[in-house]
Amino acid sequence: MTHFLISFPSAAMVLTEEEFPDVVREARAVIQEAKDAGVYVFGGGIDEEVDPVLVAPDGTVTGGTTRLDGGYTVLDLPSHEAALEWAQKIAASCRCPQEVRAFQYDPLS
C-alpha cells in the first residue's frame, strides 16, 4: 500500500454561501466512506490565518518561502488507479479539481 496525498488549493474551491453546507456534508460523507474502507490516514485544511515559517538547522526562524493553502487528504491505497478513483469522489464532493501525489516509501517511517 502507498500513501497518496489528494489536495486542492483554496482558490480552486469557488462556492456560493448556499452551496457550502452541501459541500461540507458531501465531503464528510466521502471521508467517512474512506474511513469505513480502512484507507483514511488523515485530512484537513491549512490554517491560512497562520503564516508559514522556515526553521533553519541552527534554530533561526524566518518567513516561509512557500505558501500552502487549501485542503488535504492522505489515503493508504493499493494503486495509483485507486487514488484517482478516490480523488474523483473528493473532487465531486468539493466541486473542484484534486491533485494526486504519491509519497515515497520509507521503511523506517
PDB file of N, CA and C in Angstrom:
ATOM      1  N   MET A   1       0.853  -1.184   0.000  1.00  0.00           N
ATOM      2  CA  MET A   1       0.000   0.000   0.000  1.00  0.00           C
ATOM      3  C   MET A   1       0.898   1.247   0.000  1.00  0.00           C
ATOM      4  N   THR A   2       0.390   2.290  -0.621  1.00  0.00           N
ATOM      5  CA  THR A   2       1.102   3.562  -0.727  1.00  0.00           C
ATOM      6  C   THR A   2       0.215   4.664  -0.171  1.00  0.00           C
ATOM      7  N   HIS A   3       0.832   5.622   0.495  1.00  0.00           N
ATOM      8  CA  HIS A   3       0.093   6.803   0.934  1.00  0.00           C
ATOM      9  C   HIS A   3       0.029   7.784  -0.229  1.00  0.00           C
ATOM     10  N   PHE A   4      -1.174   8.270  -0.508  1.00  0.00           N
ATOM     11  CA  PHE A   4      -1.387   9.256  -1.556  1.00  0.00           C
ATOM     12  C   PHE A   4      -1.930  10.534  -0.943  1.00  0.00           C
ATOM     13  N   LEU A   5      -1.380  11.668  -1.373  1.00  0.00           N
ATOM     14  CA  LEU A   5      -1.863  12.982  -0.978  1.00  0.00           C
ATOM     15  C   LEU A   5      -2.817  13.456  -2.053  1.00  0.00           C
ATOM     16  N   ILE A   6      -4.056  13.731  -1.675  1.00  0.00           N
ATOM     17  CA  ILE A   6      -5.071  14.270  -2.581  1.00  0.00           C
ATOM     18  C   ILE A   6      -5.400  15.661  -2.060  1.00  0.00           C
ATOM     19  N   SER A   7      -5.198  16.684  -2.898  1.00  0.00           N
ATOM     20  CA  SER A   7      -5.292  18.052  -2.384  1.00  0.00           C
ATOM     21  C   SER A   7      -5.836  19.021  -3.422  1.00  0.00           C
ATOM     22  N   PHE A   8      -6.173  20.206  -2.921  1.00  0.00           N
ATOM     23  CA  PHE A   8      -6.612  21.297  -3.796  1.00  0.00           C
ATOM     24  C   PHE A   8      -6.224  22.621  -3.158  1.00  0.00           C
ATOM     25  N   PRO A   9      -5.877  23.630  -3.984  1.00  0.00           N
ATOM     26  CA  PRO A   9      -5.606  24.961  -3.433  1.00  0.00           C
ATOM     27  C   PRO A   9      -6.923  25.669  -3.118  1.00  0.00           C
ATOM     28  N   SER A  10      -6.880  26.564  -2.170  1.00  0.00           N
ATOM     29  CA  SER A  10      -8.091  27.293  -1.777  1.00  0.00           C
ATOM     30  C   SER A  10      -8.777  27.966  -2.956  1.00  0.00           C
ATOM     31  N   ALA A  11      -7.989  28.530  -3.864  1.00  0.00           N
ATOM     32  CA  ALA A  11      -8.560  29.271  -4.993  1.00  0.00           C
ATOM     33  C   ALA A  11      -9.400  28.389  -5.911  1.00  0.00           C
ATOM     34  N   ALA A  12      -9.180  27.082  -5.868  1.00  0.00           N
ATOM     35  CA  ALA A  12      -9.941  26.178  -6.734  1.00  0.00           C
ATOM     36  C   ALA A  12     -11.369  25.973  -6.258  1.00  0.00           C
ATOM     37  N   MET A  13     -11.608  26.197  -4.985  1.00  0.00           N
ATOM     38  CA  MET A  13     -12.938  25.959  -4.428  1.00  0.00           C
ATOM     39  C   MET A  13     -13.732  27.263  -4.431  1.00  0.00           C
ATOM     40  N   VAL A  14     -14.517  27.448  -5.462  1.00  0.00           N
ATOM     41  CA  VAL A  14     -15.337  28.652  -5.615  1.00  0.00           C
ATOM     42  C   VAL A  14     -16.784  28.238  -5.407  1.00  0.00           C
ATOM     43  N   LEU A  15     -17.334  28.641  -4.260  1.00  0.00           N
ATOM     44  CA  LEU A  15     -18.680  28.225  -3.877  1.00  0.00           C
ATOM     45  C   LEU A  15     -19.521  29.420  -3.475  1.00  0.00           C
ATOM     46  N   THR A  16     -20.800  29.277  -3.642  1.00  0.00           N
ATOM     47  CA  THR A  16     -21.716  30.265  -3.084  1.00  0.00           C
ATOM     48  C   THR A  16     -22.001  29.883  -1.632  1.00  0.00           C
ATOM     49  N   GLU A  17     -22.526  30.810  -0.876  1.00  0.00           N
ATOM     50  CA  GLU A  17     -22.893  30.506   0.513  1.00  0.00           C
ATOM     51  C   GLU A  17     -23.946  29.402   0.572  1.00  0.00           C
ATOM     52  N   GLU A  18     -24.811  29.372  -0.430  1.00  0.00           N
ATOM     53  CA  GLU A  18     -25.857  28.352  -0.469  1.00  0.00           C
ATOM     54  C   GLU A  18     -25.280  26.958  -0.717  1.00  0.00           C
ATOM     55  N   GLU A  19     -24.219  26.870  -1.499  1.00  0.00           N
ATOM     56  CA  GLU A  19     -23.602  25.581  -1.823  1.00  0.00           C
ATOM     57  C   GLU A  19     -22.787  25.009  -0.665  1.00  0.00           C
ATOM     58  N   PHE A  20     -22.229  25.878   0.164  1.00  0.00           N
ATOM     59  CA  PHE A  20     -21.268  25.449   1.177  1.00  0.00           C
ATOM     60  C   PHE A  20     -21.778  24.333   2.099  1.00  0.00           C
ATOM     61  N   PRO A  21     -22.986  24.422   2.659  1.00  0.00           N
ATOM     62  CA  PRO A  21     -23.449  23.325   3.527  1.00  0.00           C
ATOM     63  C   PRO A  21     -23.517  21.975   2.809  1.00  0.00           C
ATOM     64  N   ASP A  22     -23.920  21.979   1.546  1.00  0.00           N
ATOM     65  CA  ASP A  22     -23.963  20.724   0.781  1.00  0.00           C
ATOM     66  C   ASP A  22     -22.564  20.167   0.558  1.00  0.00           C
ATOM     67  N   VAL A  23     -21.609  21.042   0.266  1.00  0.00           N
ATOM     68  CA  VAL A  23     -20.227  20.608   0.054  1.00  0.00           C
ATOM     69  C   VAL A  23     -19.665  20.001   1.329  1.00  0.00           C
ATOM     70  N   VAL A  24     -19.896  20.646   2.461  1.00  0.00           N
ATOM     71  CA  VAL A  24     -19.426  20.110   3.744  1.00  0.00           C
ATOM     72  C   VAL A  24     -20.022  18.727   3.985  1.00  0.00           C
ATOM     73  N   ARG A  25     -21.316  18.592   3.796  1.00  0.00           N
ATOM     74  CA  ARG A  25     -21.995  17.313   4.022  1.00  0.00           C
ATOM     75  C   ARG A  25     -21.442  16.236   3.091  1.00  0.00           C
ATOM     76  N   GLU A  26     -21.322  16.558   1.802  1.00  0.00           N
ATOM     77  CA  GLU A  26     -20.854  15.579   0.823  1.00  0.00           C
ATOM     78  C   GLU A  26     -19.383  15.210   1.044  1.00  0.00           C
ATOM     79  N   ALA A  27     -18.557  16.187   1.355  1.00  0.00           N
ATOM     80  CA  ALA A  27     -17.136  15.901   1.601  1.00  0.00           C
ATOM     81  C   ALA A  27     -16.971  15.029   2.839  1.00  0.00           C
ATOM     82  N   ARG A  28     -17.719  15.333   3.885  1.00  0.00           N
ATOM     83  CA  ARG A  28     -17.651  14.499   5.091  1.00  0.00           C
ATOM     84  C   ARG A  28     -18.127  13.080   4.811  1.00  0.00           C
ATOM     85  N   ALA A  29     -19.080  12.919   3.916  1.00  0.00           N
ATOM     86  CA  ALA A  29     -19.561  11.579   3.557  1.00  0.00           C
ATOM     87  C   ALA A  29     -18.468  10.788   2.837  1.00  0.00           C
ATOM     88  N   VAL A  30     -17.711  11.453   1.953  1.00  0.00           N
ATOM     89  CA  VAL A  30     -16.618  10.769   1.264  1.00  0.00           C
ATOM     90  C   VAL A  30     -15.526  10.383   2.257  1.00  0.00           C
ATOM     91  N   ILE A  31     -15.213  11.275   3.187  1.00  0.00           N
ATOM     92  CA  ILE A  31     -14.202  10.957   4.207  1.00  0.00           C
ATOM     93  C   ILE A  31     -14.678   9.786   5.062  1.00  0.00           C
ATOM     94  N   GLN A  32     -15.949   9.766   5.421  1.00  0.00           N
ATOM     95  CA  GLN A  32     -16.472   8.641   6.204  1.00  0.00           C
ATOM     96  C   GLN A  32     -16.380   7.350   5.400  1.00  0.00           C
ATOM     97  N   GLU A  33     -16.644   7.431   4.099  1.00  0.00           N
ATOM     98  CA  GLU A  33     -16.515   6.256   3.230  1.00  0.00           C
ATOM     99  C   GLU A  33     -15.074   5.745   3.239  1.00  0.00           C
ATOM    100  N   ALA A  34     -14.109   6.673   3.168  1.00  0.00           N
ATOM    101  CA  ALA A  34     -12.695   6.280   3.213  1.00  0.00           C
ATOM    102  C   ALA A  34     -12.333   5.653   4.562  1.00  0.00           C
ATOM    103  N   LYS A  35     -12.877   6.204   5.638  1.00  0.00           N
ATOM    104  CA  LYS A  35     -12.653   5.623   6.971  1.00  0.00           C
ATOM    105  C   LYS A  35     -13.248   4.219   7.047  1.00  0.00           C
ATOM    106  N   ASP A  36     -14.466   4.084   6.559  1.00  0.00           N
ATOM    107  CA  ASP A  36     -15.134   2.781   6.584  1.00  0.00           C
ATOM    108  C   ASP A  36     -14.378   1.750   5.741  1.00  0.00           C
ATOM    109  N   ALA A  37     -13.739   2.212   4.661  1.00  0.00           N
ATOM    110  CA  ALA A  37     -12.969   1.321   3.788  1.00  0.00           C
ATOM    111  C   ALA A  37     -11.587   1.010   4.365  1.00  0.00           C
ATOM    112  N   GLY A  38     -11.224   1.698   5.460  1.00  0.00           N
ATOM    113  CA  GLY A  38      -9.932   1.456   6.099  1.00  0.00           C
ATOM    114  C   GLY A  38      -8.748   2.066   5.374  1.00  0.00           C
ATOM    115  N   VAL A  39      -8.975   3.079   4.511  1.00  0.00           N
ATOM    116  CA  VAL A  39      -7.881   3.687   3.762  1.00  0.00           C
ATOM    117  C   VAL A  39      -7.536   5.104   4.219  1.00  0.00           C
ATOM    118  N   TYR A  40      -8.335   5.667   5.109  1.00  0.00           N
ATOM    119  CA  TYR A  40      -8.127   7.050   5.558  1.00  0.00           C
ATOM    120  C   TYR A  40      -6.943   7.119   6.516  1.00  0.00           C
ATOM    121  N   VAL A  41      -6.011   8.041   6.254  1.00  0.00           N
ATOM    122  CA  VAL A  41      -4.886   8.272   7.154  1.00  0.00           C
ATOM    123  C   VAL A  41      -5.135   9.560   7.926  1.00  0.00           C
ATOM    124  N   PHE A  42      -5.264  10.684   7.234  1.00  0.00           N
ATOM    125  CA  PHE A  42      -5.663  11.942   7.875  1.00  0.00           C
ATOM    126  C   PHE A  42      -6.032  12.951   6.805  1.00  0.00           C
ATOM    127  N   GLY A  43      -6.654  14.027   7.229  1.00  0.00           N
ATOM    128  CA  GLY A  43      -7.020  15.087   6.304  1.00  0.00           C
ATOM    129  C   GLY A  43      -7.333  16.353   7.049  1.00  0.00           C
ATOM    130  N   GLY A  44      -7.447  17.433   6.324  1.00  0.00           N
ATOM    131  CA  GLY A  44      -7.788  18.714   6.919  1.00  0.00           C
ATOM    132  C   GLY A  44      -7.427  19.836   5.971  1.00  0.00           C
ATOM    133  N   GLY A  45      -7.532  21.033   6.467  1.00  0.00           N
ATOM    134  CA  GLY A  45      -7.194  22.207   5.678  1.00  0.00           C
ATOM    135  C   GLY A  45      -6.090  22.992   6.354  1.00  0.00           C
ATOM    136  N   ILE A  46      -5.314  23.695   5.557  1.00  0.00           N
ATOM    137  CA  ILE A  46      -4.261  24.542   6.085  1.00  0.00           C
ATOM    138  C   ILE A  46      -4.902  25.793   6.689  1.00  0.00           C
ATOM    139  N   ASP A  47      -4.500  26.151   7.909  1.00  0.00           N
ATOM    140  CA  ASP A  47      -4.993  27.364   8.559  1.00  0.00           C
ATOM    141  C   ASP A  47      -4.297  28.554   7.911  1.00  0.00           C
ATOM    142  N   GLU A  48      -5.003  29.229   7.031  1.00  0.00           N
ATOM    143  CA  GLU A  48      -4.419  30.315   6.267  1.00  0.00           C
ATOM    144  C   GLU A  48      -4.249  31.603   7.073  1.00  0.00           C
ATOM    145  N   GLU A  49      -4.724  31.616   8.307  1.00  0.00           N
ATOM    146  CA  GLU A  49      -4.527  32.768   9.185  1.00  0.00           C
ATOM    147  C   GLU A  49      -3.147  32.736   9.848  1.00  0.00           C
ATOM    148  N   VAL A  50      -2.475  31.592   9.790  1.00  0.00           N
ATOM    149  CA  VAL A  50      -1.158  31.425  10.411  1.00  0.00           C
ATOM    150  C   VAL A  50      -0.110  31.421   9.310  1.00  0.00           C
ATOM    151  N   ASP A  51       0.813  32.394   9.368  1.00  0.00           N
ATOM    152  CA  ASP A  51       1.856  32.475   8.346  1.00  0.00           C
ATOM    153  C   ASP A  51       2.842  31.330   8.501  1.00  0.00           C
ATOM    154  N   PRO A  52       3.307  30.770   7.375  1.00  0.00           N
ATOM    155  CA  PRO A  52       4.314  29.716   7.453  1.00  0.00           C
ATOM    156  C   PRO A  52       5.664  30.289   7.866  1.00  0.00           C
ATOM    157  N   VAL A  53       6.467  29.489   8.540  1.00  0.00           N
ATOM    158  CA  VAL A  53       7.821  29.891   8.915  1.00  0.00           C
ATOM    159  C   VAL A  53       8.795  28.814   8.458  1.00  0.00           C
ATOM    160  N   LEU A  54      10.047  29.208   8.320  1.00  0.00           N
ATOM    161  CA  LEU A  54      11.129  28.313   7.938  1.00  0.00           C
ATOM    162  C   LEU A  54      12.091  28.241   9.112  1.00  0.00           C
ATOM    163  N   VAL A  55      12.357  27.037   9.605  1.00  0.00           N
ATOM    164  CA  VAL A  55      13.264  26.848  10.739  1.00  0.00           C
ATOM    165  C   VAL A  55      14.563  26.268  10.198  1.00  0.00           C
ATOM    166  N   ALA A  56      15.666  26.990  10.391  1.00  0.00           N
ATOM    167  CA  ALA A  56      16.987  26.571   9.917  1.00  0.00           C
ATOM    168  C   ALA A  56      17.603  25.558  10.875  1.00  0.00           C
ATOM    169  N   PRO A  57      18.645  24.833  10.427  1.00  0.00           N
ATOM    170  CA  PRO A  57      19.308  23.863  11.306  1.00  0.00           C
ATOM    171  C   PRO A  57      19.824  24.470  12.612  1.00  0.00           C
ATOM    172  N   ASP A  58      20.170  25.772  12.605  1.00  0.00           N
ATOM    173  CA  ASP A  58      20.653  26.404  13.841  1.00  0.00           C
ATOM    174  C   ASP A  58      19.526  26.947  14.711  1.00  0.00           C
ATOM    175  N   GLY A  59      18.277  26.744  14.278  1.00  0.00           N
ATOM    176  CA  GLY A  59      17.127  27.188  15.054  1.00  0.00           C
ATOM    177  C   GLY A  59      16.587  28.545  14.654  1.00  0.00           C
ATOM    178  N   THR A  60      17.236  29.227  13.734  1.00  0.00           N
ATOM    179  CA  THR A  60      16.767  30.524  13.267  1.00  0.00           C
ATOM    180  C   THR A  60      15.421  30.360  12.567  1.00  0.00           C
ATOM    181  N   VAL A  61      14.478  31.243  12.901  1.00  0.00           N
ATOM    182  CA  VAL A  61      13.141  31.192  12.312  1.00  0.00           C
ATOM    183  C   VAL A  61      12.952  32.415  11.421  1.00  0.00           C
ATOM    184  N   THR A  62      12.593  32.172  10.167  1.00  0.00           N
ATOM    185  CA  THR A  62      12.317  33.245   9.221  1.00  0.00           C
ATOM    186  C   THR A  62      10.997  32.946   8.520  1.00  0.00           C
ATOM    187  N   GLY A  63      10.562  33.873   7.699  1.00  0.00           N
ATOM    188  CA  GLY A  63       9.327  33.662   6.951  1.00  0.00           C
ATOM    189  C   GLY A  63       9.448  32.489   6.007  1.00  0.00           C
ATOM    190  N   GLY A  64       8.377  31.755   5.870  1.00  0.00           N
ATOM    191  CA  GLY A  64       8.367  30.605   4.961  1.00  0.00           C
ATOM    192  C   GLY A  64       8.490  31.041   3.522  1.00  0.00           C
ATOM    193  N   THR A  65       9.044  30.178   2.692  1.00  0.00           N
ATOM    194  CA  THR A  65       9.259  30.522   1.289  1.00  0.00           C
ATOM    195  C   THR A  65       8.140  30.034   0.381  1.00  0.00           C
ATOM    196  N   THR A  66       7.375  29.063   0.827  1.00  0.00           N
ATOM    197  CA  THR A  66       6.296  28.515   0.014  1.00  0.00           C
ATOM    198  C   THR A  66       5.002  28.579   0.804  1.00  0.00           C
ATOM    199  N   ARG A  67       4.003  29.138   0.213  1.00  0.00           N
ATOM    200  CA  ARG A  67       2.710  29.239   0.875  1.00  0.00           C
ATOM    201  C   ARG A  67       1.834  28.079   0.408  1.00  0.00           C
ATOM    202  N   LEU A  68       1.416  27.248   1.347  1.00  0.00           N
ATOM    203  CA  LEU A  68       0.477  26.173   1.058  1.00  0.00           C
ATOM    204  C   LEU A  68      -0.884  26.589   1.575  1.00  0.00           C
ATOM    205  N   ASP A  69      -1.903  26.235   0.877  1.00  0.00           N
ATOM    206  CA  ASP A  69      -3.252  26.511   1.344  1.00  0.00           C
ATOM    207  C   ASP A  69      -4.168  25.415   0.843  1.00  0.00           C
ATOM    208  N   GLY A  70      -5.414  25.500   1.185  1.00  0.00           N
ATOM    209  CA  GLY A  70      -6.384  24.546   0.686  1.00  0.00           C
ATOM    210  C   GLY A  70      -6.587  23.346   1.580  1.00  0.00           C
ATOM    211  N   GLY A  71      -7.087  22.277   0.990  1.00  0.00           N
ATOM    212  CA  GLY A  71      -7.432  21.085   1.739  1.00  0.00           C
ATOM    213  C   GLY A  71      -6.607  19.888   1.307  1.00  0.00           C
ATOM    214  N   TYR A  72      -6.397  18.988   2.245  1.00  0.00           N
ATOM    215  CA  TYR A  72      -5.539  17.828   2.023  1.00  0.00           C
ATOM    216  C   TYR A  72      -6.176  16.582   2.611  1.00  0.00           C
ATOM    217  N   THR A  73      -6.016  15.471   1.933  1.00  0.00           N
ATOM    218  CA  THR A  73      -6.426  14.172   2.445  1.00  0.00           C
ATOM    219  C   THR A  73      -5.308  13.192   2.113  1.00  0.00           C
ATOM    220  N   VAL A  74      -4.930  12.363   3.089  1.00  0.00           N
ATOM    221  CA  VAL A  74      -3.945  11.315   2.847  1.00  0.00           C
ATOM    222  C   VAL A  74      -4.649   9.976   3.006  1.00  0.00           C
ATOM    223  N   LEU A  75      -4.558   9.154   1.964  1.00  0.00           N
ATOM    224  CA  LEU A  75      -5.180   7.838   1.960  1.00  0.00           C
ATOM    225  C   LEU A  75      -4.106   6.783   1.712  1.00  0.00           C
ATOM    226  N   ASP A  76      -4.273   5.614   2.306  1.00  0.00           N
ATOM    227  CA  ASP A  76      -3.371   4.477   2.128  1.00  0.00           C
ATOM    228  C   ASP A  76      -4.038   3.527   1.139  1.00  0.00           C
ATOM    229  N   LEU A  77      -3.512   3.486  -0.086  1.00  0.00           N
ATOM    230  CA  LEU A  77      -4.208   2.799  -1.174  1.00  0.00           C
ATOM    231  C   LEU A  77      -3.298   1.816  -1.907  1.00  0.00           C
ATOM    232  N   PRO A  78      -3.894   0.826  -2.563  1.00  0.00           N
ATOM    233  CA  PRO A  78      -3.108  -0.206  -3.226  1.00  0.00           C
ATOM    234  C   PRO A  78      -2.508   0.214  -4.567  1.00  0.00           C
ATOM    235  N   SER A  79      -3.009   1.306  -5.172  1.00  0.00           N
ATOM    236  CA  SER A  79      -2.522   1.662  -6.501  1.00  0.00           C
ATOM    237  C   SER A  79      -2.821   3.121  -6.835  1.00  0.00           C
ATOM    238  N   HIS A  80      -2.122   3.590  -7.865  1.00  0.00           N
ATOM    239  CA  HIS A  80      -2.372   4.938  -8.372  1.00  0.00           C
ATOM    240  C   HIS A  80      -3.796   5.036  -8.916  1.00  0.00           C
ATOM    241  N   GLU A  81      -4.262   3.963  -9.535  1.00  0.00           N
ATOM    242  CA  GLU A  81      -5.620   3.951 -10.078  1.00  0.00           C
ATOM    243  C   GLU A  81      -6.655   4.130  -8.965  1.00  0.00           C
ATOM    244  N   ALA A  82      -6.426   3.467  -7.830  1.00  0.00           N
ATOM    245  CA  ALA A  82      -7.329   3.627  -6.686  1.00  0.00           C
ATOM    246  C   ALA A  82      -7.299   5.064  -6.184  1.00  0.00           C
ATOM    247  N   ALA A  83      -6.118   5.692  -6.183  1.00  0.00           N
ATOM    248  CA  ALA A  83      -6.003   7.091  -5.758  1.00  0.00           C
ATOM    249  C   ALA A  83      -6.804   7.998  -6.690  1.00  0.00           C
ATOM    250  N   LEU A  84      -6.768   7.706  -7.979  1.00  0.00           N
ATOM    251  CA  LEU A  84      -7.538   8.514  -8.935  1.00  0.00           C
ATOM    252  C   LEU A  84      -9.039   8.360  -8.705  1.00  0.00           C
ATOM    253  N   GLU A  85      -9.471   7.162  -8.354  1.00  0.00           N
ATOM    254  CA  GLU A  85     -10.890   6.939  -8.065  1.00  0.00           C
ATOM    255  C   GLU A  85     -11.331   7.734  -6.831  1.00  0.00           C
ATOM    256  N   TRP A  86     -10.514   7.699  -5.770  1.00  0.00           N
ATOM    257  CA  TRP A  86     -10.846   8.469  -4.560  1.00  0.00           C
ATOM    258  C   TRP A  86     -10.782   9.968  -4.847  1.00  0.00           C
ATOM    259  N   ALA A  87      -9.806  10.404  -5.644  1.00  0.00           N
ATOM    260  CA  ALA A  87      -9.697  11.827  -5.983  1.00  0.00           C
ATOM    261  C   ALA A  87     -10.938  12.297  -6.722  1.00  0.00           C
ATOM    262  N   GLN A  88     -11.497  11.449  -7.575  1.00  0.00           N
ATOM    263  CA  GLN A  88     -12.711  11.817  -8.294  1.00  0.00           C
ATOM    264  C   GLN A  88     -13.870  11.998  -7.323  1.00  0.00           C
ATOM    265  N   LYS A  89     -13.963  11.125  -6.326  1.00  0.00           N
ATOM    266  CA  LYS A  89     -15.033  11.261  -5.321  1.00  0.00           C
ATOM    267  C   LYS A  89     -14.867  12.554  -4.529  1.00  0.00           C
ATOM    268  N   ILE A  90     -13.620  12.842  -4.151  1.00  0.00           N
ATOM    269  CA  ILE A  90     -13.367  14.075  -3.393  1.00  0.00           C
ATOM    270  C   ILE A  90     -13.633  15.292  -4.275  1.00  0.00           C
ATOM    271  N   ALA A  91     -13.210  15.249  -5.532  1.00  0.00           N
ATOM    272  CA  ALA A  91     -13.448  16.364  -6.463  1.00  0.00           C
ATOM    273  C   ALA A  91     -14.937  16.627  -6.635  1.00  0.00           C
ATOM    274  N   ALA A  92     -15.704  15.556  -6.767  1.00  0.00           N
ATOM    275  CA  ALA A  92     -17.150  15.723  -6.934  1.00  0.00           C
ATOM    276  C   ALA A  92     -17.770  16.338  -5.683  1.00  0.00           C
ATOM    277  N   SER A  93     -17.349  15.882  -4.501  1.00  0.00           N
ATOM    278  CA  SER A  93     -17.950  16.406  -3.274  1.00  0.00           C
ATOM    279  C   SER A  93     -17.513  17.841  -2.992  1.00  0.00           C
ATOM    280  N   CYS A  94     -16.258  18.179  -3.310  1.00  0.00           N
ATOM    281  CA  CYS A  94     -15.750  19.536  -3.064  1.00  0.00           C
ATOM    282  C   CYS A  94     -16.019  20.492  -4.224  1.00  0.00           C
ATOM    283  N   ARG A  95     -16.434  19.908  -5.351  1.00  0.00           N
ATOM    284  CA  ARG A  95     -16.740  20.697  -6.542  1.00  0.00           C
ATOM    285  C   ARG A  95     -15.523  21.459  -7.076  1.00  0.00           C
ATOM    286  N   CYS A  96     -14.348  20.795  -6.993  1.00  0.00           N
ATOM    287  CA  CYS A  96     -13.135  21.375  -7.565  1.00  0.00           C
ATOM    288  C   CYS A  96     -12.118  20.275  -7.854  1.00  0.00           C
ATOM    289  N   PRO A  97     -11.231  20.514  -8.815  1.00  0.00           N
ATOM    290  CA  PRO A  97     -10.233  19.509  -9.172  1.00  0.00           C
ATOM    291  C   PRO A  97      -9.316  19.173  -7.993  1.00  0.00           C
ATOM    292  N   GLN A  98      -8.785  17.957  -8.001  1.00  0.00           N
ATOM    293  CA  GLN A  98      -7.883  17.481  -6.952  1.00  0.00           C
ATOM    294  C   GLN A  98      -6.557  17.062  -7.571  1.00  0.00           C
ATOM    295  N   GLU A  99      -5.479  17.351  -6.887  1.00  0.00           N
ATOM    296  CA  GLU A  99      -4.161  16.908  -7.312  1.00  0.00           C
ATOM    297  C   GLU A  99      -3.818  15.640  -6.550  1.00  0.00           C
ATOM    298  N   VAL A 100      -3.196  14.674  -7.224  1.00  0.00           N
ATOM    299  CA  VAL A 100      -2.844  13.394  -6.605  1.00  0.00           C
ATOM    300  C   VAL A 100      -1.330  13.230  -6.643  1.00  0.00           C
ATOM    301  N   ARG A 101      -0.744  12.928  -5.488  1.00  0.00           N
ATOM    302  CA  ARG A 101       0.695  12.680  -5.382  1.00  0.00           C
ATOM    303  C   ARG A 101       0.918  11.464  -4.499  1.00  0.00           C
ATOM    304  N   ALA A 102       1.915  10.657  -4.860  1.00  0.00           N
ATOM    305  CA  ALA A 102       2.283   9.504  -4.040  1.00  0.00           C
ATOM    306  C   ALA A 102       3.469   9.872  -3.158  1.00  0.00           C
ATOM    307  N   PHE A 103       3.412   9.430  -1.896  1.00  0.00           N
ATOM    308  CA  PHE A 103       4.558   9.585  -1.017  1.00  0.00           C
ATOM    309  C   PHE A 103       5.570   8.502  -1.353  1.00  0.00           C
ATOM    310  N   GLN A 104       6.846   8.820  -1.244  1.00  0.00           N
ATOM    311  CA  GLN A 104       7.876   7.820  -1.437  1.00  0.00           C
ATOM    312  C   GLN A 104       7.921   6.927  -0.210  1.00  0.00           C
ATOM    313  N   TYR A 105       8.128   5.654  -0.428  1.00  0.00           N
ATOM    314  CA  TYR A 105       8.155   4.685   0.662  1.00  0.00           C
ATOM    315  C   TYR A 105       9.434   4.845   1.487  1.00  0.00           C
ATOM    316  N   ASP A 106       9.268   4.893   2.782  1.00  0.00           N
ATOM    317  CA  ASP A 106      10.396   4.914   3.721  1.00  0.00           C
ATOM    318  C   ASP A 106      10.143   3.800   4.724  1.00  0.00           C
ATOM    319  N   PRO A 107      10.903   2.704   4.682  1.00  0.00           N
ATOM    320  CA  PRO A 107      10.627   1.567   5.564  1.00  0.00           C
ATOM    321  C   PRO A 107      10.786   1.874   7.046  1.00  0.00           C
ATOM    322  N   LEU A 108      11.432   2.997   7.389  1.00  0.00           N
ATOM    323  CA  LEU A 108      11.616   3.354   8.796  1.00  0.00           C
ATOM    324  C   LEU A 108      10.535   4.278   9.325  1.00  0.00           C
ATOM    325  N   SER A 109       9.620   4.713   8.448  1.00  0.00           N
ATOM    326  CA  SER A 109       8.578   5.633   8.927  1.00  0.00           C
ATOM    327  C   SER A 109       7.283   4.912   9.198  1.00  0.00           C
TER     328      SER A 109
END
